[in-house]
Amino acid sequence: MKIAIIDLGTNTFNLLVIGWDNNAAHKIHSSKISVRLGDGGFAEKRIQDVAFNRGLMAFSEHMQQAR
């Protein structure tokens, strides 16, 4: 069995893919993509469109890698 975990943070989106067999887990893949969601909008407490699009692109890339 394979399991993918995506951690969506403010600065980076992280992907970890593990394999699970014989009652043991082993790392298959891990990667980090910088998204900087707070850039330009931190004071207003909102995510700017440019940062939002970086997040969408990073999530899409992680999904492709996980598949």
Protein backbone atom coordinates (compact mmCIF):
# COMPACT_ATOMS: atom_id res chain seq x y z
CA MET A 1 0.00 0.00 0.00
CA LYS A 2 1.15 3.57 -0.70
CA ILE A 3 0.09 6.64 1.28
CA ALA A 4 0.60 10.29 0.27
CA ILE A 5 0.47 13.12 2.78
CA ILE A 6 0.39 16.78 1.75
CA ASP A 7 1.11 19.36 4.45
CA LEU A 8 -0.22 22.80 3.45
CA GLY A 9 1.70 25.41 5.40
CA THR A 10 1.94 29.17 5.09
CA ASN A 11 5.40 29.14 3.52
CA THR A 12 5.75 25.66 2.02
CA PHE A 13 3.60 22.81 0.80
CA ASN A 14 5.24 19.49 1.63
CA LEU A 15 4.64 16.06 0.14
CA LEU A 16 5.54 12.73 1.70
CA VAL A 17 4.81 9.41 0.00
CA ILE A 18 5.38 6.23 1.98
CA GLY A 19 5.05 2.59 1.14
CA TRP A 20 3.65 0.18 3.69
CA ASP A 21 4.39 -3.51 3.46
CA ASN A 22 5.36 -6.30 5.83
CA ASN A 23 4.19 -4.12 8.75
CA ALA A 24 6.86 -1.52 7.99
CA ALA A 25 6.80 1.92 6.40
CA HIS A 26 9.46 3.21 4.02
CA LYS A 27 9.82 6.60 2.36
CA ILE A 28 9.26 6.58 -1.38
CA HIS A 29 9.32 10.32 -2.07
CA SER A 30 9.38 13.67 -0.31
CA SER A 31 9.46 17.21 -1.67
CA LYS A 32 8.82 20.80 -0.63
CA ILE A 33 7.56 23.71 -2.71
CA SER A 34 7.78 27.30 -1.51
CA VAL A 35 4.41 29.06 -1.75
CA ARG A 36 4.77 32.12 0.55
CA LEU A 37 1.01 32.49 1.03
CA GLY A 38 1.43 35.49 3.33
CA ASP A 39 3.38 37.63 0.83
CA GLY A 40 1.68 40.96 0.34
CA GLY A 41 -1.42 40.13 2.34
CA PHE A 42 -0.27 39.34 5.86
CA ALA A 43 -1.26 42.73 7.30
CA GLU A 44 -4.71 42.53 5.69
CA LYS A 45 -5.15 38.90 6.79
CA ARG A 46 -5.90 37.75 3.27
CA ILE A 47 -4.14 35.69 0.64
CA GLN A 48 -3.26 37.73 -2.46
CA ASP A 49 -4.26 36.28 -5.86
CA VAL A 50 -0.63 35.74 -6.89
CA ALA A 51 0.11 33.80 -3.69
CA PHE A 52 -3.14 31.81 -4.03
CA ASN A 53 -2.14 30.80 -7.57
CA ARG A 54 1.31 29.71 -6.32
CA GLY A 55 -0.50 27.49 -3.82
CA LEU A 56 -2.73 25.98 -6.50
CA MET A 57 0.24 25.27 -8.75
CA ALA A 58 2.20 23.69 -5.89
CA PHE A 59 -0.76 21.51 -4.89
CA SER A 60 -1.22 20.41 -8.51
CA GLU A 61 2.47 19.51 -8.80
CA HIS A 62 2.36 17.50 -5.57
CA MET A 63 -0.73 15.65 -6.80
CA GLN A 64 1.07 14.70 -10.02
CA GLN A 65 4.09 13.48 -8.07
CA ALA A 66 1.88 11.49 -5.68
CA ARG A 67 0.16 9.72 -8.56
